[in-house]
C-alpha atoms as a PDB file:
ATOM      1  CA  MET A   1     161.034 205.221  27.907  1.00  0.00           C
ATOM      2  CA  PRO A   2     157.458 205.228  26.502  1.00  0.00           C
ATOM      3  CA  SER A   3     155.227 208.013  27.718  1.00  0.00           C
ATOM      4  CA  LEU A   4     152.586 207.351  30.365  1.00  0.00           C
ATOM      5  CA  PRO A   5     149.617 208.142  28.082  1.00  0.00           C
ATOM      6  CA  THR A   6     150.829 205.480  25.647  1.00  0.00           C
ATOM      7  CA  ARG A   7     151.091 202.977  28.489  1.00  0.00           C
ATOM      8  CA  LEU A   8     147.588 203.798  29.752  1.00  0.00           C
ATOM      9  CA  ALA A   9     146.219 203.416  26.220  1.00  0.00           C
ATOM     10  CA  ASP A  10     147.841 199.980  25.994  1.00  0.00           C
ATOM     11  CA  ILE A  11     146.313 198.979  29.326  1.00  0.00           C
ATOM     12  CA  ARG A  12     142.846 200.103  28.221  1.00  0.00           C
ATOM     13  CA  GLU A  13     143.302 198.058  25.052  1.00  0.00           C
ATOM     14  CA  LEU A  14     144.106 194.962  27.111  1.00  0.00           C
ATOM     15  CA  LEU A  15     141.090 195.560  29.326  1.00  0.00           C
ATOM     16  CA  GLN A  16     138.908 195.224  26.238  1.00  0.00           C
ATOM     17  CA  ALA A  17     140.549 191.947  25.200  1.00  0.00           C
ATOM     18  CA  THR A  18     137.772 189.712  26.528  1.00  0.00           C
ATOM     19  CA  ASP A  19     137.644 187.741  23.281  1.00  0.00           C
ATOM     20  CA  TRP A  20     141.008 185.974  23.228  1.00  0.00           C
ATOM     21  CA  GLU A  21     140.709 185.009  19.587  1.00  0.00           C
ATOM     22  CA  GLN A  22     140.514 188.727  18.835  1.00  0.00           C
ATOM     23  CA  LEU A  23     144.196 188.906  19.787  1.00  0.00           C
ATOM     24  CA  SER A  24     145.103 186.976  16.646  1.00  0.00           C
ATOM     25  CA  LEU A  25     143.028 189.314  14.516  1.00  0.00           C
ATOM     26  CA  ASP A  26     144.629 192.334  16.169  1.00  0.00           C
ATOM     27  CA  VAL A  27     148.136 191.096  15.385  1.00  0.00           C
ATOM     28  CA  GLU A  28     147.071 190.334  11.814  1.00  0.00           C
ATOM     29  CA  LYS A  29     145.999 193.976  11.451  1.00  0.00           C
ATOM     30  CA  GLU A  30     149.392 195.115  12.725  1.00  0.00           C
ATOM     31  CA  ILE A  31     151.083 193.305   9.843  1.00  0.00           C
ATOM     32  CA  HIS A  32     149.304 195.638   7.404  1.00  0.00           C
ATOM     33  CA  ALA A  33     150.573 198.905   8.908  1.00  0.00           C
ATOM     34  CA  ARG A  34     151.616 201.584   6.415  1.00  0.00           C
ATOM     35  CA  LEU A  35     154.602 203.925   6.599  1.00  0.00           C
ATOM     36  CA  ALA A  36     154.806 207.123   4.510  1.00  0.00           C
ATOM     37  CA  ILE A  37     158.060 208.979   3.886  1.00  0.00           C
ATOM     38  CA  VAL A  38     157.399 212.673   3.317  1.00  0.00           C
ATOM     39  CA  GLY A  39     159.657 215.696   2.998  1.00  0.00           C
ATOM     40  CA  PRO A  40     160.772 218.758   1.056  1.00  0.00           C
ATOM     41  CA  VAL A  41     162.684 218.724  -2.204  1.00  0.00           C
ATOM     42  CA  ASN A  42     165.944 216.735  -2.207  1.00  0.00           C
ATOM     43  CA  SER A  43     165.833 215.946   1.511  1.00  0.00           C
ATOM     44  CA  GLY A  44     166.821 212.313   0.986  1.00  0.00           C
ATOM     45  CA  LYS A  45     163.435 210.587   1.103  1.00  0.00           C
ATOM     46  CA  SER A  46     164.278 208.165  -1.690  1.00  0.00           C
ATOM     47  CA  THR A  47     167.659 207.365  -0.139  1.00  0.00           C
ATOM     48  CA  LEU A  48     165.961 206.535   3.175  1.00  0.00           C
ATOM     49  CA  PHE A  49     163.335 204.486   1.376  1.00  0.00           C
ATOM     50  CA  ASN A  50     166.038 202.467  -0.370  1.00  0.00           C
ATOM     51  CA  ARG A  51     168.038 202.136   2.865  1.00  0.00           C
ATOM     52  CA  LEU A  52     165.043 200.554   4.594  1.00  0.00           C
ATOM     53  CA  LYS A  53     164.283 198.253   1.700  1.00  0.00           C
ATOM     54  CA  GLY A  54     167.903 197.164   1.332  1.00  0.00           C
ATOM     55  CA  ARG A  55     168.036 197.696  -2.431  1.00  0.00           C
ATOM     56  CA  LYS A  56     167.431 200.496  -4.912  1.00  0.00           C
ATOM     57  CA  VAL A  57     163.727 200.841  -5.641  1.00  0.00           C
ATOM     58  CA  SER A  58     163.092 204.582  -5.680  1.00  0.00           C
ATOM     59  CA  PRO A  59     165.195 206.735  -8.052  1.00  0.00           C
ATOM     60  CA  VAL A  60     167.917 208.772  -6.368  1.00  0.00           C
ATOM     61  CA  LYS A  61     169.536 211.718  -8.165  1.00  0.00           C
ATOM     62  CA  ALA A  62     171.058 215.037  -7.154  1.00  0.00           C
ATOM     63  CA  ILE A  63     168.402 216.896  -9.180  1.00  0.00           C
ATOM     64  CA  PRO A  64     165.459 218.208  -7.089  1.00  0.00           C
ATOM     65  CA  GLY A  65     162.138 216.794  -8.172  1.00  0.00           C
ATOM     66  CA  THR A  66     163.282 213.314  -9.221  1.00  0.00           C
ATOM     67  CA  THR A  67     160.245 211.651  -7.608  1.00  0.00           C
ATOM     68  CA  THR A  68     157.136 212.910  -9.409  1.00  0.00           C
ATOM     69  CA  ASP A  69     154.545 210.451  -8.174  1.00  0.00           C
ATOM     70  CA  LEU A  70     154.063 207.966  -5.369  1.00  0.00           C
ATOM     71  CA  VAL A  71     156.618 205.170  -5.425  1.00  0.00           C
ATOM     72  CA  THR A  72     155.336 202.200  -3.459  1.00  0.00           C
ATOM     73  CA  GLU A  73     157.033 198.910  -2.732  1.00  0.00           C
ATOM     74  CA  GLU A  74     154.932 196.092  -1.330  1.00  0.00           C
ATOM     75  CA  ILE A  75     156.889 193.763   0.907  1.00  0.00           C
ATOM     76  CA  GLY A  76     154.278 191.163   1.668  1.00  0.00           C
ATOM     77  CA  PRO A  77     151.270 193.090   2.924  1.00  0.00           C
ATOM     78  CA  PHE A  78     153.400 195.979   4.207  1.00  0.00           C
ATOM     79  CA  VAL A  79     153.835 199.023   1.954  1.00  0.00           C
ATOM     80  CA  LEU A  80     156.634 201.552   2.138  1.00  0.00           C
ATOM     81  CA  VAL A  81     155.756 204.837   0.434  1.00  0.00           C
ATOM     82  CA  ASP A  82     158.168 207.375  -1.040  1.00  0.00           C
ATOM     83  CA  THR A  83     156.491 210.646  -1.930  1.00  0.00           C
ATOM     84  CA  PRO A  84     157.294 213.626  -4.129  1.00  0.00           C
ATOM     85  CA  GLY A  85     158.890 216.522  -2.284  1.00  0.00           C
ATOM     86  CA  PHE A  86     156.790 219.334  -0.943  1.00  0.00           C
ATOM     87  CA  GLY A  87     157.520 222.636  -2.625  1.00  0.00           C
ATOM     88  CA  GLU A  88     158.428 221.168  -5.985  1.00  0.00           C
ATOM     89  CA  VAL A  89     157.209 222.801  -9.178  1.00  0.00           C
ATOM     90  CA  GLY A  90     155.982 220.967 -12.231  1.00  0.00           C
ATOM     91  CA  GLY A  91     152.933 219.849 -14.115  1.00  0.00           C
ATOM     92  CA  VAL A  92     151.418 217.941 -11.156  1.00  0.00           C
ATOM     93  CA  ASP A  93     150.425 218.990  -7.662  1.00  0.00           C
ATOM     94  CA  ARG A  94     153.107 216.943  -5.929  1.00  0.00           C
ATOM     95  CA  ALA A  95     152.373 218.354  -2.485  1.00  0.00           C
ATOM     96  CA  ALA A  96     148.769 217.166  -2.744  1.00  0.00           C
ATOM     97  CA  ILE A  97     149.950 213.700  -3.794  1.00  0.00           C
ATOM     98  CA  ALA A  98     152.318 213.500  -0.831  1.00  0.00           C
ATOM     99  CA  ARG A  99     149.707 214.763   1.624  1.00  0.00           C
ATOM    100  CA  GLN A 100     147.242 212.144   0.394  1.00  0.00           C
ATOM    101  CA  ALA A 101     149.798 209.418   1.151  1.00  0.00           C
ATOM    102  CA  ALA A 102     150.342 210.876   4.606  1.00  0.00           C
ATOM    103  CA  GLU A 103     146.616 210.880   5.343  1.00  0.00           C
ATOM    104  CA  SER A 104     146.300 207.165   4.599  1.00  0.00           C
ATOM    105  CA  ALA A 105     149.417 206.129   6.550  1.00  0.00           C
ATOM    106  CA  ASP A 106     149.652 204.736  10.076  1.00  0.00           C
ATOM    107  CA  VAL A 107     152.919 206.610  10.684  1.00  0.00           C
ATOM    108  CA  VAL A 108     154.541 209.456   8.729  1.00  0.00           C
ATOM    109  CA  VAL A 109     158.294 210.061   8.685  1.00  0.00           C
ATOM    110  CA  LEU A 110     159.090 213.678   7.813  1.00  0.00           C
ATOM    111  CA  VAL A 111     162.596 213.881   6.340  1.00  0.00           C
ATOM    112  CA  LEU A 112     164.362 217.247   6.601  1.00  0.00           C
ATOM    113  CA  ASP A 113     167.709 218.267   5.115  1.00  0.00           C
ATOM    114  CA  ALA A 114     170.258 219.059   7.834  1.00  0.00           C
ATOM    115  CA  SER A 115     172.621 220.715   5.353  1.00  0.00           C
ATOM    116  CA  ALA A 116     169.939 223.190   4.223  1.00  0.00           C
ATOM    117  CA  GLY A 117     168.782 224.285   7.668  1.00  0.00           C
ATOM    118  CA  LEU A 118     165.148 224.669   8.698  1.00  0.00           C
ATOM    119  CA  ARG A 119     163.292 226.834   6.215  1.00  0.00           C
ATOM    120  CA  GLN A 120     159.879 228.432   6.594  1.00  0.00           C
ATOM    121  CA  SER A 121     158.459 225.980   4.070  1.00  0.00           C
ATOM    122  CA  ASP A 122     159.773 223.098   6.211  1.00  0.00           C
ATOM    123  CA  TYR A 123     158.048 224.538   9.256  1.00  0.00           C
ATOM    124  CA  ASP A 124     154.793 224.992   7.318  1.00  0.00           C
ATOM    125  CA  LEU A 125     155.029 221.388   6.109  1.00  0.00           C
ATOM    126  CA  TYR A 126     155.533 220.129   9.665  1.00  0.00           C
ATOM    127  CA  GLU A 127     152.483 222.074  10.879  1.00  0.00           C
ATOM    128  CA  SER A 128     150.311 220.776   8.023  1.00  0.00           C
ATOM    129  CA  LEU A 129     151.283 217.192   8.823  1.00  0.00           C
ATOM    130  CA  ARG A 130     150.582 217.683  12.516  1.00  0.00           C
ATOM    131  CA  GLU A 131     147.066 218.821  11.629  1.00  0.00           C
ATOM    132  CA  LEU A 132     146.385 215.461   9.957  1.00  0.00           C
ATOM    133  CA  GLY A 133     146.493 213.748  13.362  1.00  0.00           C
ATOM    134  CA  VAL A 134     148.657 210.886  12.029  1.00  0.00           C
ATOM    135  CA  PRO A 135     151.600 209.830  14.268  1.00  0.00           C
ATOM    136  CA  LEU A 136     154.565 211.845  13.030  1.00  0.00           C
ATOM    137  CA  VAL A 137     158.315 211.230  13.376  1.00  0.00           C
ATOM    138  CA  VAL A 138     160.763 213.944  12.301  1.00  0.00           C
ATOM    139  CA  ALA A 139     164.149 212.837  10.932  1.00  0.00           C
ATOM    140  CA  LEU A 140     166.997 215.266  10.280  1.00  0.00           C
ATOM    141  CA  ASN A 141     168.846 213.681   7.367  1.00  0.00           C
ATOM    142  CA  LYS A 142     172.308 214.216   5.825  1.00  0.00           C
ATOM    143  CA  THR A 143     173.970 214.586   9.200  1.00  0.00           C
ATOM    144  CA  ASP A 144     177.128 213.161   7.627  1.00  0.00           C
ATOM    145  CA  LEU A 145     177.506 216.513   5.845  1.00  0.00           C
ATOM    146  CA  ILE A 146     177.478 218.627   9.026  1.00  0.00           C
ATOM    147  CA  LYS A 147     179.323 216.473  11.563  1.00  0.00           C
ATOM    148  CA  ARG A 148     180.944 219.383  13.403  1.00  0.00           C
ATOM    149  CA  ASP A 149     177.763 221.446  13.598  1.00  0.00           C
ATOM    150  CA  LEU A 150     175.298 218.599  14.169  1.00  0.00           C
ATOM    151  CA  GLU A 151     174.564 219.301  17.825  1.00  0.00           C
ATOM    152  CA  GLU A 152     173.844 222.957  17.153  1.00  0.00           C
ATOM    153  CA  ALA A 153     171.738 222.224  14.062  1.00  0.00           C
ATOM    154  CA  LEU A 154     169.714 219.561  15.881  1.00  0.00           C
ATOM    155  CA  ALA A 155     169.038 221.849  18.835  1.00  0.00           C
ATOM    156  CA  ASP A 156     167.915 224.628  16.483  1.00  0.00           C
ATOM    157  CA  VAL A 157     165.399 222.414  14.645  1.00  0.00           C
ATOM    158  CA  GLU A 158     164.026 220.932  17.872  1.00  0.00           C
ATOM    159  CA  GLN A 159     163.631 224.384  19.408  1.00  0.00           C
ATOM    160  CA  LYS A 160     161.753 225.720  16.376  1.00  0.00           C
ATOM    161  CA  LEU A 161     159.514 222.694  15.877  1.00  0.00           C
ATOM    162  CA  LYS A 162     159.121 222.064  19.623  1.00  0.00           C
ATOM    163  CA  THR A 163     159.437 218.318  19.135  1.00  0.00           C
ATOM    164  CA  THR A 164     162.036 215.553  19.287  1.00  0.00           C
ATOM    165  CA  VAL A 165     164.051 215.242  16.073  1.00  0.00           C
ATOM    166  CA  ILE A 166     165.984 212.085  15.100  1.00  0.00           C
ATOM    167  CA  PRO A 167     169.390 212.723  13.474  1.00  0.00           C
ATOM    168  CA  ILE A 168     170.174 210.248  10.683  1.00  0.00           C
ATOM    169  CA  SER A 169     172.210 209.738   7.558  1.00  0.00           C
ATOM    170  CA  ALA A 170     170.190 207.711   5.077  1.00  0.00           C
ATOM    171  CA  LYS A 171     173.300 207.523   2.893  1.00  0.00           C
ATOM    172  CA  THR A 172     175.544 205.892   5.518  1.00  0.00           C
ATOM    173  CA  GLY A 173     172.794 204.321   7.636  1.00  0.00           C
ATOM    174  CA  ALA A 174     173.840 206.181  10.800  1.00  0.00           C
ATOM    175  CA  GLY A 175     170.947 206.554  13.219  1.00  0.00           C
ATOM    176  CA  VAL A 176     168.452 204.655  11.055  1.00  0.00           C
ATOM    177  CA  GLY A 177     168.444 201.366  12.946  1.00  0.00           C
ATOM    178  CA  GLU A 178     169.335 202.474  16.451  1.00  0.00           C
ATOM    179  CA  ARG A 179     167.295 205.696  16.637  1.00  0.00           C
ATOM    180  CA  LEU A 180     164.768 206.118  13.830  1.00  0.00           C
ATOM    181  CA  MET A 181     163.295 202.613  14.036  1.00  0.00           C
ATOM    182  CA  PRO A 182     162.583 202.834  17.796  1.00  0.00           C
ATOM    183  CA  ALA A 183     161.053 206.289  17.284  1.00  0.00           C
ATOM    184  CA  ILE A 184     158.693 204.910  14.629  1.00  0.00           C
ATOM    185  CA  VAL A 185     157.627 202.076  16.931  1.00  0.00           C
ATOM    186  CA  GLU A 186     157.184 204.547  19.783  1.00  0.00           C
ATOM    187  CA  ALA A 187     154.885 206.633  17.582  1.00  0.00           C
ATOM    188  CA  HIS A 188     152.757 203.592  16.763  1.00  0.00           C
ATOM    189  CA  PRO A 189     153.420 200.202  18.464  1.00  0.00           C
ATOM    190  CA  TRP A 190     151.851 198.347  15.526  1.00  0.00           C
ATOM    191  CA  MET A 191     154.869 199.277  13.437  1.00  0.00           C
ATOM    192  CA  ALA A 192     157.093 196.830  15.343  1.00  0.00           C
ATOM    193  CA  VAL A 193     155.327 193.889  13.730  1.00  0.00           C
ATOM    194  CA  ALA A 194     155.010 195.492  10.291  1.00  0.00           C
ATOM    195  CA  LEU A 195     158.621 196.694  10.135  1.00  0.00           C
ATOM    196  CA  GLY A 196     160.041 193.491  11.583  1.00  0.00           C
ATOM    197  CA  ARG A 197     158.089 191.268   9.213  1.00  0.00           C
ATOM    198  CA  ALA A 198     158.898 193.364   6.155  1.00  0.00           C
ATOM    199  CA  LEU A 199     162.516 194.212   6.929  1.00  0.00           C
ATOM    200  CA  PRO A 200     164.489 191.143   8.106  1.00  0.00           C
ATOM    201  CA  ASP A 201     167.632 193.163   8.864  1.00  0.00           C
ATOM    202  CA  TYR A 202     165.802 194.950  11.680  1.00  0.00           C
ATOM    203  CA  ARG A 203     163.888 192.012  13.171  1.00  0.00           C
ATOM    204  CA  HIS A 204     166.154 191.313  16.124  1.00  0.00           C
ATOM    205  CA  GLN A 205     166.318 194.882  17.392  1.00  0.00           C
ATOM    206  CA  LEU A 206     162.587 195.451  16.873  1.00  0.00           C
ATOM    207  CA  CYS A 207     161.833 192.295  18.847  1.00  0.00           C
ATOM    208  CA  GLN A 208     164.094 193.514  21.650  1.00  0.00           C
ATOM    209  CA  ARG A 209     162.210 196.807  21.688  1.00  0.00           C
ATOM    210  CA  LEU A 210     158.872 194.996  21.731  1.00  0.00           C
ATOM    211  CA  ILE A 211     159.968 192.716  24.570  1.00  0.00           C
ATOM    212  CA  ARG A 212     161.197 195.594  26.744  1.00  0.00           C
ATOM    213  CA  SER A 213     158.022 197.559  26.110  1.00  0.00           C
ATOM    214  CA  THR A 214     155.778 194.608  27.011  1.00  0.00           C
ATOM    215  CA  ALA A 215     157.837 193.816  30.129  1.00  0.00           C
ATOM    216  CA  LEU A 216     157.453 197.406  31.295  1.00  0.00           C
ATOM    217  CA  LEU A 217     153.734 197.392  30.552  1.00  0.00           C
ATOM    218  CA  ASN A 218     153.254 194.149  32.493  1.00  0.00           C
ATOM    219  CA  ALA A 219     155.240 195.491  35.422  1.00  0.00           C
ATOM    220  CA  ILE A 220     152.862 198.466  35.515  1.00  0.00           C
ATOM    221  CA  ILE A 221     149.855 196.143  35.372  1.00  0.00           C
ATOM    222  CA  ALA A 222     151.312 193.889  38.093  1.00  0.00           C
ATOM    223  CA  ALA A 223     151.803 196.885  40.374  1.00  0.00           C
ATOM    224  CA  GLU A 224     148.051 196.772  41.008  1.00  0.00           C
ATOM    225  CA  PRO A 225     147.964 196.162  44.790  1.00  0.00           C
ATOM    226  CA  ILE A 226     144.858 193.936  44.789  1.00  0.00           C
ATOM    227  CA  PRO A 227     145.900 190.296  44.218  1.00  0.00           C
ATOM    228  CA  GLY A 228     144.257 188.470  41.326  1.00  0.00           C
ATOM    229  CA  VAL A 229     142.734 191.267  39.268  1.00  0.00           C
ATOM    230  CA  ASP A 230     145.736 191.578  36.964  1.00  0.00           C
ATOM    231  CA  ILE A 231     146.164 187.925  35.976  1.00  0.00           C
ATOM    232  CA  PRO A 232     143.865 187.959  32.885  1.00  0.00           C
ATOM    233  CA  LEU A 233     145.528 191.135  31.638  1.00  0.00           C
ATOM    234  CA  LEU A 234     149.036 189.753  32.125  1.00  0.00           C
ATOM    235  CA  LEU A 235     148.251 186.483  30.403  1.00  0.00           C
ATOM    236  CA  ALA A 236     146.635 188.300  27.468  1.00  0.00           C
ATOM    237  CA  SER A 237     149.632 190.613  27.213  1.00  0.00           C
ATOM    238  CA  GLN A 238     152.131 187.754  27.170  1.00  0.00           C
ATOM    239  CA  VAL A 239     150.105 185.800  24.627  1.00  0.00           C
ATOM    240  CA  ARG A 240     150.008 188.856  22.407  1.00  0.00           C
ATOM    241  CA  LEU A 241     153.772 189.246  22.814  1.00  0.00           C
ATOM    242  CA  VAL A 242     154.320 185.675  21.582  1.00  0.00           C
ATOM    243  CA  LEU A 243     151.903 186.246  18.688  1.00  0.00           C
ATOM    244  CA  ARG A 244     153.699 189.446  17.707  1.00  0.00           C
ATOM    245  CA  ILE A 245     157.145 187.851  17.785  1.00  0.00           C
ATOM    246  CA  ALA A 246     155.848 184.956  15.679  1.00  0.00           C
ATOM    247  CA  ALA A 247     154.365 187.411  13.166  1.00  0.00           C
ATOM    248  CA  ILE A 248     157.645 189.335  12.923  1.00  0.00           C
ATOM    249  CA  TYR A 249     159.412 186.114  11.918  1.00  0.00           C
ATOM    250  CA  GLY A 250     156.724 185.218   9.399  1.00  0.00           C
ATOM    251  CA  GLU A 251     155.058 182.557  11.520  1.00  0.00           C
ATOM    252  CA  SER A 252     151.314 182.193  11.959  1.00  0.00           C
ATOM    253  CA  LEU A 253     150.098 181.137  15.397  1.00  0.00           C
ATOM    254  CA  THR A 254     146.640 180.827  16.894  1.00  0.00           C
ATOM    255  CA  VAL A 255     146.023 181.992  20.442  1.00  0.00           C
ATOM    256  CA  ARG A 256     145.868 178.349  21.517  1.00  0.00           C
ATOM    257  CA  HIS A 257     149.292 177.636  20.061  1.00  0.00           C
ATOM    258  CA  ALA A 258     150.689 180.830  21.555  1.00  0.00           C
ATOM    259  CA  ARG A 259     149.418 179.840  24.993  1.00  0.00           C
ATOM    260  CA  GLU A 260     150.910 176.363  24.582  1.00  0.00           C
ATOM    261  CA  LEU A 261     154.272 177.882  23.670  1.00  0.00           C
ATOM    262  CA  LEU A 262     154.017 180.302  26.588  1.00  0.00           C
ATOM    263  CA  THR A 263     153.357 177.407  28.976  1.00  0.00           C
ATOM    264  CA  THR A 264     156.195 175.378  27.454  1.00  0.00           C
ATOM    265  CA  ILE A 265     158.656 178.240  27.866  1.00  0.00           C
ATOM    266  CA  ALA A 266     157.740 179.258  31.394  1.00  0.00           C
ATOM    267  CA  GLY A 267     156.875 175.812  32.697  1.00  0.00           C
ATOM    268  CA  GLY A 268     154.146 176.367  35.303  1.00  0.00           C
ATOM    269  CA  VAL A 269     152.861 179.745  34.162  1.00  0.00           C
ATOM    270  CA  ALA A 270     150.202 179.642  36.873  1.00  0.00           C
ATOM    271  CA  LEU A 271     152.906 179.238  39.498  1.00  0.00           C
ATOM    272  CA  ARG A 272     154.749 182.281  38.126  1.00  0.00           C
ATOM    273  CA  TYR A 273     151.632 184.363  38.473  1.00  0.00           C
ATOM    274  CA  LEU A 274     150.998 182.944  41.943  1.00  0.00           C
ATOM    275  CA  ALA A 275     154.489 183.994  43.040  1.00  0.00           C
ATOM    276  CA  ALA A 276     153.867 187.515  41.811  1.00  0.00           C
ATOM    277  CA  GLU A 277     150.491 187.667  43.549  1.00  0.00           C
ATOM    278  CA  LEU A 278     151.897 186.366  46.832  1.00  0.00           C
ATOM    279  CA  GLY A 279     154.490 189.108  46.690  1.00  0.00           C
ATOM    280  CA  LYS A 280     151.686 191.634  47.035  1.00  0.00           C
ATOM    281  CA  ALA A 281     150.713 190.103  50.352  1.00  0.00           C
ATOM    282  CA  LEU A 282     154.132 190.830  51.849  1.00  0.00           C
ATOM    283  CA  PRO A 283     154.445 193.698  54.329  1.00  0.00           C
ATOM    284  CA  GLY A 284     155.669 196.949  52.812  1.00  0.00           C
ATOM    285  CA  PRO A 285     156.018 197.435  49.080  1.00  0.00           C
ATOM    286  CA  GLY A 286     154.825 193.958  48.114  1.00  0.00           C
ATOM    287  CA  TRP A 287     153.422 195.383  44.882  1.00  0.00           C
ATOM    288  CA  LEU A 288     156.995 196.200  43.861  1.00  0.00           C
ATOM    289  CA  VAL A 289     157.999 192.567  44.333  1.00  0.00           C
ATOM    290  CA  GLY A 290     155.085 191.453  42.157  1.00  0.00           C
ATOM    291  CA  ALA A 291     155.910 194.016  39.475  1.00  0.00           C
ATOM    292  CA  THR A 292     159.575 192.973  39.412  1.00  0.00           C
ATOM    293  CA  ILE A 293     158.775 189.255  39.163  1.00  0.00           C
ATOM    294  CA  THR A 294     156.251 189.856  36.397  1.00  0.00           C
ATOM    295  CA  GLY A 295     158.452 192.196  34.385  1.00  0.00           C
ATOM    296  CA  LEU A 296     161.412 189.842  34.599  1.00  0.00           C
ATOM    297  CA  GLY A 297     159.310 186.823  33.640  1.00  0.00           C
ATOM    298  CA  THR A 298     157.802 188.635  30.652  1.00  0.00           C
ATOM    299  CA  GLU A 299     161.226 189.666  29.381  1.00  0.00           C
ATOM    300  CA  ALA A 300     162.504 186.080  29.721  1.00  0.00           C
ATOM    301  CA  ILE A 301     159.482 184.716  27.846  1.00  0.00           C
ATOM    302  CA  GLY A 302     160.039 187.206  25.032  1.00  0.00           C
ATOM    303  CA  GLN A 303     163.753 186.439  24.746  1.00  0.00           C
ATOM    304  CA  VAL A 304     163.131 182.695  24.558  1.00  0.00           C
ATOM    305  CA  ALA A 305     160.302 183.109  22.027  1.00  0.00           C
ATOM    306  CA  MET A 306     162.592 185.225  19.858  1.00  0.00           C
ATOM    307  CA  ALA A 307     165.344 182.586  20.023  1.00  0.00           C
ATOM    308  CA  TYR A 308     162.766 179.920  19.155  1.00  0.00           C
ATOM    309  CA  PHE A 309     161.595 181.627  15.969  1.00  0.00           C
ATOM    310  CA  GLU A 310     165.062 182.848  14.982  1.00  0.00           C
ATOM    311  CA  GLY A 311     166.215 179.236  15.174  1.00  0.00           C
ATOM    312  CA  GLY A 312     163.449 177.985  12.916  1.00  0.00           C
ATOM    313  CA  ARG A 313     161.355 176.504  15.750  1.00  0.00           C
ATOM    314  CA  LYS A 314     163.950 173.771  16.330  1.00  0.00           C
ATOM    315  CA  LEU A 315     164.289 174.145  20.105  1.00  0.00           C
ATOM    316  CA  SER A 316     162.739 171.317  22.111  1.00  0.00           C
ATOM    317  CA  PRO A 317     160.445 171.978  25.086  1.00  0.00           C
ATOM    318  CA  ALA A 318     163.276 171.076  27.439  1.00  0.00           C
ATOM    319  CA  GLN A 319     165.621 173.502  25.685  1.00  0.00           C
ATOM    320  CA  LEU A 320     163.011 176.276  25.848  1.00  0.00           C
ATOM    321  CA  ARG A 321     162.566 175.833  29.585  1.00  0.00           C
ATOM    322  CA  GLN A 322     166.342 175.650  30.094  1.00  0.00           C
ATOM    323  CA  LYS A 323     166.872 178.941  28.234  1.00  0.00           C
ATOM    324  CA  TYR A 324     164.086 180.532  30.275  1.00  0.00           C
ATOM    325  CA  ARG A 325     165.690 179.479  33.550  1.00  0.00           C
ATOM    326  CA  GLU A 326     169.109 180.686  32.387  1.00  0.00           C
ATOM    327  CA  ILE A 327     167.762 184.127  31.502  1.00  0.00           C
ATOM    328  CA  ILE A 328     166.015 184.414  34.873  1.00  0.00           C
ATOM    329  CA  ARG A 329     169.159 183.347  36.742  1.00  0.00           C
ATOM    330  CA  ASN A 330     171.402 185.740  34.820  1.00  0.00           C
ATOM    331  CA  ALA A 331     169.032 188.642  35.437  1.00  0.00           C
ATOM    332  CA  ARG A 332     168.912 187.917  39.161  1.00  0.00           C
ATOM    333  CA  ARG A 333     172.703 187.633  39.250  1.00  0.00           C
ATOM    334  CA  ARG A 334     173.062 191.035  37.596  1.00  0.00           C
ATOM    335  CA  LYS A 335     170.595 192.463  40.079  1.00  0.00           C
ATOM    336  CA  ARG A 336     172.568 191.149  43.041  1.00  0.00           C
ATOM    337  CA  HIS A 337     175.889 192.412  41.714  1.00  0.00           C
ATOM    338  CA  ASN A 338     174.458 195.794  40.790  1.00  0.00           C
ATOM    339  CA  PRO A 339     171.484 196.707  43.013  1.00  0.00           C
ATOM    340  CA  THR A 340     171.042 200.014  41.184  1.00  0.00           C
ATOM    341  CA  VAL A 341     169.960 198.170  38.005  1.00  0.00           C
ATOM    342  CA  THR A 342     166.180 198.149  37.796  1.00  0.00           C
ATOM    343  CA  GLN A 343     164.263 195.335  36.221  1.00  0.00           C
ATOM    344  CA  PRO A 344     161.516 196.011  33.656  1.00  0.00           C
END
């Protein structure tokens, strides 16, 4: 679950969204996010780079020092960066080249070699990257080589670095989609749009992550006990969700079109908000009722928008509303059958 400071930062960002057209510009900026892959010699950076891209772009050999300069691959406006390994020797200052790429990135993925263990130079590299102030995700690669000792190795690295470490195998793909991608998005929410747009294989799961995150954020906003004050924030958040999902699937929407789609999906959007606000007037924890209604509605909107763009925008207004109602009904049915399940 996202940390509270991240949630509060998102809420402050929405509070500043008085210019609705700025939402489109904000999403456009997210498309241009930059990811840098950094790590020590022969840690598997190029293999991870190629795994993300889906084809061989960066050279991969068993000889340390294969990558001697920045290798960049532009996928639309999004750039993946493979860097030379830190600690390599040669005629160029490869560490300086890699650090420069890290400084200009929105998120840095530090790739460490699980089979080599954590060395002092790895620790020093981690500390130097932390000092840059760029969001940093640590991946422990080559876990396929230490299957029996993975748990112990992972615990050792996390204890020494005092941070969460994501176990992956860039060679087999294990952990890349289900663990590393969410960690990158958690480090910088903009990456959901950039990664999803650039890497079609990961679009569906990144959209799911984005939808859950927005539903949770809106539930937090809707928990405000004073009726009415949260409506502009919720509407802006849901419009931005639709814009982001459209951007992930390569579609370009204006705020006006996003609001029209939002209204088409949810039918009477104003009535949905009214129901949530009336919940706050109920005796007892009415704010919880409002938060639940809002979170559930946001998730349903996101799921329908995703289906709409995945299907090439071929769903009719009636079909959109039908899918929305089905998702709401199914969620309520699950809630009744399992009261311990919490809604976003």
